[in-house]
Amino acid sequence: MTMRTECICAERTIASMARLIRMDETGHTTLAEWTAADEQAVEAAVAAFRAQLDAGFYAVVSEGEGRARQVDELPVDADLVILRRPIAGG
């Protein structure tokens, strides 16, 4: 019976929520969560994303270990989108 239970658990998939977070001096703030199947949540996430870009934040999406790509449209299929301010200096 233990073996059968392990097989059932291994086959189960749970749809995870994608997250839009902002990193700033207060820490990490979750601005939106969505799944691709939830149109209202996607629309709210796109609106939050756009508002943050308009406020001067930029967005990045991880592309694996040590790599990220800057985006200017919300990638709905991403697991995590991070917003942060540009680094000052020069």
C-alpha atoms as a PDB file:
ATOM      1  CA  MET A   1       0.000   0.000   0.000  1.00  0.00           C
ATOM      2  CA  THR A   2       2.870   2.395   0.690  1.00  0.00           C
ATOM      3  CA  MET A   3       4.138   1.912  -2.831  1.00  0.00           C
ATOM      4  CA  ARG A   4       0.720   2.703  -4.326  1.00  0.00           C
ATOM      5  CA  THR A   5       0.409   5.882  -2.229  1.00  0.00           C
ATOM      6  CA  GLU A   6       3.816   7.071  -3.427  1.00  0.00           C
ATOM      7  CA  CYS A   7       2.780   6.589  -7.050  1.00  0.00           C
ATOM      8  CA  ILE A   8      -0.416   8.592  -6.587  1.00  0.00           C
ATOM      9  CA  CYS A   9       1.494  11.457  -4.967  1.00  0.00           C
ATOM     10  CA  ALA A  10       4.112  11.497  -7.698  1.00  0.00           C
ATOM     11  CA  GLU A  11       1.433  11.833 -10.399  1.00  0.00           C
ATOM     12  CA  ARG A  12      -0.439  14.679  -8.700  1.00  0.00           C
ATOM     13  CA  THR A  13       0.241  18.174  -9.992  1.00  0.00           C
ATOM     14  CA  ILE A  14      -0.756  21.365  -8.255  1.00  0.00           C
ATOM     15  CA  ALA A  15      -1.066  24.580 -10.223  1.00  0.00           C
ATOM     16  CA  SER A  16       1.218  27.070  -8.544  1.00  0.00           C
ATOM     17  CA  MET A  17       0.487  30.759  -8.349  1.00  0.00           C
ATOM     18  CA  ALA A  18       2.756  33.107 -10.235  1.00  0.00           C
ATOM     19  CA  ARG A  19       3.854  36.173  -8.263  1.00  0.00           C
ATOM     20  CA  LEU A  20       4.726  39.774  -9.006  1.00  0.00           C
ATOM     21  CA  ILE A  21       6.918  41.195  -6.252  1.00  0.00           C
ATOM     22  CA  ARG A  22       8.481  44.582  -5.685  1.00  0.00           C
ATOM     23  CA  MET A  23      11.857  44.915  -3.973  1.00  0.00           C
ATOM     24  CA  ASP A  24      12.498  48.260  -2.309  1.00  0.00           C
ATOM     25  CA  GLU A  25      13.794  49.767   0.919  1.00  0.00           C
ATOM     26  CA  THR A  26      10.900  48.179   2.843  1.00  0.00           C
ATOM     27  CA  GLY A  27      11.723  44.681   1.621  1.00  0.00           C
ATOM     28  CA  HIS A  28       9.743  42.390  -0.676  1.00  0.00           C
ATOM     29  CA  THR A  29       6.070  43.166  -1.301  1.00  0.00           C
ATOM     30  CA  THR A  30       3.782  40.820  -3.243  1.00  0.00           C
ATOM     31  CA  LEU A  31       1.730  42.989  -5.594  1.00  0.00           C
ATOM     32  CA  ALA A  32      -0.149  40.278  -7.486  1.00  0.00           C
ATOM     33  CA  GLU A  33      -0.617  36.532  -7.751  1.00  0.00           C
ATOM     34  CA  TRP A  34      -2.233  34.718 -10.654  1.00  0.00           C
ATOM     35  CA  THR A  35      -2.618  31.562 -12.666  1.00  0.00           C
ATOM     36  CA  ALA A  36      -2.937  31.697 -16.437  1.00  0.00           C
ATOM     37  CA  ALA A  37      -6.458  30.265 -16.147  1.00  0.00           C
ATOM     38  CA  ASP A  38      -7.708  33.147 -13.949  1.00  0.00           C
ATOM     39  CA  GLU A  39      -8.366  36.017 -16.373  1.00  0.00           C
ATOM     40  CA  GLN A  40      -9.313  38.519 -13.660  1.00  0.00           C
ATOM     41  CA  ALA A  41      -6.137  37.821 -11.697  1.00  0.00           C
ATOM     42  CA  VAL A  42      -4.039  38.129 -14.878  1.00  0.00           C
ATOM     43  CA  GLU A  43      -5.670  41.480 -15.713  1.00  0.00           C
ATOM     44  CA  ALA A  44      -5.007  42.743 -12.163  1.00  0.00           C
ATOM     45  CA  ALA A  45      -1.383  41.581 -12.381  1.00  0.00           C
ATOM     46  CA  VAL A  46      -0.885  43.309 -15.751  1.00  0.00           C
ATOM     47  CA  ALA A  47      -2.346  46.543 -14.331  1.00  0.00           C
ATOM     48  CA  ALA A  48      -0.098  46.364 -11.235  1.00  0.00           C
ATOM     49  CA  PHE A  49       2.905  45.585 -13.431  1.00  0.00           C
ATOM     50  CA  ARG A  50       2.236  48.550 -15.723  1.00  0.00           C
ATOM     51  CA  ALA A  51       1.706  50.932 -12.764  1.00  0.00           C
ATOM     52  CA  GLN A  52       5.073  49.952 -11.304  1.00  0.00           C
ATOM     53  CA  LEU A  53       6.892  50.424 -14.624  1.00  0.00           C
ATOM     54  CA  ASP A  54       5.239  53.835 -14.950  1.00  0.00           C
ATOM     55  CA  ALA A  55       6.492  54.659 -11.424  1.00  0.00           C
ATOM     56  CA  GLY A  56      10.101  54.003 -12.483  1.00  0.00           C
ATOM     57  CA  PHE A  57      10.608  50.368 -11.516  1.00  0.00           C
ATOM     58  CA  TYR A  58      11.976  47.817 -13.942  1.00  0.00           C
ATOM     59  CA  ALA A  59      11.117  44.123 -14.081  1.00  0.00           C
ATOM     60  CA  VAL A  60      13.231  41.000 -14.407  1.00  0.00           C
ATOM     61  CA  VAL A  61      12.483  37.317 -14.836  1.00  0.00           C
ATOM     62  CA  SER A  62      14.903  34.547 -13.925  1.00  0.00           C
ATOM     63  CA  GLU A  63      16.304  32.502 -16.795  1.00  0.00           C
ATOM     64  CA  GLY A  64      18.094  29.974 -14.636  1.00  0.00           C
ATOM     65  CA  GLU A  65      21.039  29.957 -12.296  1.00  0.00           C
ATOM     66  CA  GLY A  66      22.613  33.421 -12.244  1.00  0.00           C
ATOM     67  CA  ARG A  67      20.738  34.712 -15.302  1.00  0.00           C
ATOM     68  CA  ALA A  68      17.818  37.130 -15.606  1.00  0.00           C
ATOM     69  CA  ARG A  69      16.107  38.979 -18.414  1.00  0.00           C
ATOM     70  CA  GLN A  70      14.569  42.454 -18.183  1.00  0.00           C
ATOM     71  CA  VAL A  71      10.959  42.563 -19.440  1.00  0.00           C
ATOM     72  CA  ASP A  72       8.607  45.398 -20.317  1.00  0.00           C
ATOM     73  CA  GLU A  73       5.466  43.263 -20.589  1.00  0.00           C
ATOM     74  CA  LEU A  74       4.238  40.877 -17.898  1.00  0.00           C
ATOM     75  CA  PRO A  75       5.197  37.321 -18.895  1.00  0.00           C
ATOM     76  CA  VAL A  76       2.040  35.568 -17.712  1.00  0.00           C
ATOM     77  CA  ASP A  77       3.747  32.158 -17.854  1.00  0.00           C
ATOM     78  CA  ALA A  78       6.597  33.176 -15.509  1.00  0.00           C
ATOM     79  CA  ASP A  79       6.641  31.839 -11.944  1.00  0.00           C
ATOM     80  CA  LEU A  80       8.123  35.006 -10.474  1.00  0.00           C
ATOM     81  CA  VAL A  81       8.515  38.548 -11.778  1.00  0.00           C
ATOM     82  CA  ILE A  82      10.636  40.922  -9.689  1.00  0.00           C
ATOM     83  CA  LEU A  83      10.316  44.688  -9.795  1.00  0.00           C
ATOM     84  CA  ARG A  84      13.066  46.967  -8.510  1.00  0.00           C
ATOM     85  CA  ARG A  85      14.445  50.455  -8.952  1.00  0.00           C
ATOM     86  CA  PRO A  86      17.413  51.015 -11.259  1.00  0.00           C
ATOM     87  CA  ILE A  87      20.755  51.121  -9.487  1.00  0.00           C
ATOM     88  CA  ALA A  88      21.958  54.714  -9.112  1.00  0.00           C
ATOM     89  CA  GLY A  89      25.461  55.751  -9.987  1.00  0.00           C
ATOM     90  CA  GLY A  90      27.574  55.903 -13.020  1.00  0.00           C
END
